[in-house]
Amino acid sequence: MLSSKLLPEMEVKDNSKREQLLHGMQNLPLSSQIEKLKARIDMIGAACEIAEKMLADMHKAYLFGTRQGCKNCPNFG
């Protein structure tokens, strides 16, 4: 769970990024703004798919979520 101290900081950063993105498109025609936003959304979606695949591969590689435990992980006990 995220610390409540981090949330305001993250919100400020998020608002700043949003304003930065929208500021560069204010003078463009509406259709161009929509196309740029769709392209950005597609890029974010592709990055999420890659991250999900990498996480799934890591789970498989280290047997997370199985009853056997992690046979490739170091023993810290």
Protein backbone atom coordinates (compact mmCIF):
# COMPACT_ATOMS: atom_id res chain seq x y z
CA MET A 1 0.00 0.00 0.00
CA LEU A 2 1.28 3.48 -0.81
CA SER A 3 2.20 5.84 1.97
CA SER A 4 -0.21 8.73 2.42
CA LYS A 5 2.82 11.03 2.29
CA LEU A 6 3.61 9.87 -1.26
CA LEU A 7 0.11 10.36 -2.65
CA PRO A 8 0.11 14.21 -2.71
CA GLU A 9 3.58 14.16 -4.27
CA MET A 10 2.42 11.71 -6.93
CA GLU A 11 -0.69 13.77 -7.60
CA VAL A 12 1.36 16.93 -8.15
CA LYS A 13 3.65 15.05 -10.54
CA ASP A 14 0.64 13.59 -12.38
CA ASN A 15 -1.00 17.01 -12.75
CA SER A 16 2.26 18.49 -13.99
CA LYS A 17 2.65 15.78 -16.65
CA ARG A 18 -0.98 16.20 -17.74
CA GLU A 19 -0.60 19.97 -18.12
CA GLN A 20 2.67 19.50 -20.02
CA LEU A 21 1.01 17.07 -22.44
CA LEU A 22 -2.04 19.26 -23.01
CA HIS A 23 -0.08 22.51 -23.28
CA GLY A 24 1.70 21.29 -26.40
CA MET A 25 -1.60 20.53 -28.11
CA GLN A 26 -3.68 23.62 -27.32
CA ASN A 27 -3.11 25.29 -30.67
CA LEU A 28 -3.71 22.17 -32.76
CA PRO A 29 -7.04 21.43 -34.43
CA LEU A 30 -9.32 19.16 -32.43
CA SER A 31 -8.88 16.22 -34.82
CA SER A 32 -5.09 16.45 -34.43
CA GLN A 33 -5.41 16.59 -30.64
CA ILE A 34 -7.57 13.46 -30.69
CA GLU A 35 -5.11 11.60 -32.93
CA LYS A 36 -2.15 12.55 -30.73
CA LEU A 37 -3.98 11.41 -27.60
CA LYS A 38 -5.00 8.13 -29.25
CA ALA A 39 -1.38 7.52 -30.26
CA ARG A 40 -0.24 8.23 -26.70
CA ILE A 41 -2.85 5.85 -25.28
CA ASP A 42 -1.76 3.15 -27.74
CA MET A 43 1.88 3.61 -26.68
CA ILE A 44 0.93 3.30 -23.01
CA GLY A 45 -1.15 0.20 -23.77
CA ALA A 46 1.76 -1.42 -25.60
CA ALA A 47 4.10 -0.66 -22.68
CA CYS A 48 1.61 -2.22 -20.26
CA GLU A 49 1.32 -5.37 -22.39
CA ILE A 50 5.10 -5.72 -22.47
CA ALA A 51 5.30 -5.24 -18.69
CA GLU A 52 2.56 -7.83 -18.12
CA LYS A 53 4.38 -10.33 -20.33
CA MET A 54 7.66 -9.73 -18.52
CA LEU A 55 5.97 -10.22 -15.14
CA ALA A 56 4.34 -13.45 -16.33
CA ASP A 57 7.70 -14.69 -17.61
CA MET A 58 9.34 -13.88 -14.28
CA HIS A 59 6.60 -15.70 -12.40
CA LYS A 60 7.18 -18.75 -14.59
CA ALA A 61 10.96 -18.55 -14.29
CA TYR A 62 10.95 -18.35 -10.51
CA LEU A 63 7.86 -20.49 -9.89
CA PHE A 64 6.06 -17.80 -7.90
CA GLY A 65 2.57 -18.79 -6.90
CA THR A 66 3.31 -22.51 -6.68
CA ARG A 67 3.35 -24.62 -3.56
CA GLN A 68 6.88 -25.76 -4.25
CA GLY A 69 8.28 -22.32 -3.66
CA CYS A 70 11.14 -20.78 -5.52
CA LYS A 71 13.83 -23.31 -6.34
CA ASN A 72 16.05 -20.77 -8.18
CA CYS A 73 15.96 -18.13 -5.44
CA PRO A 74 18.73 -17.75 -2.87
CA ASN A 75 18.05 -19.05 0.61
CA PHE A 76 18.14 -16.26 3.18
CA GLY A 77 17.11 -18.43 6.13
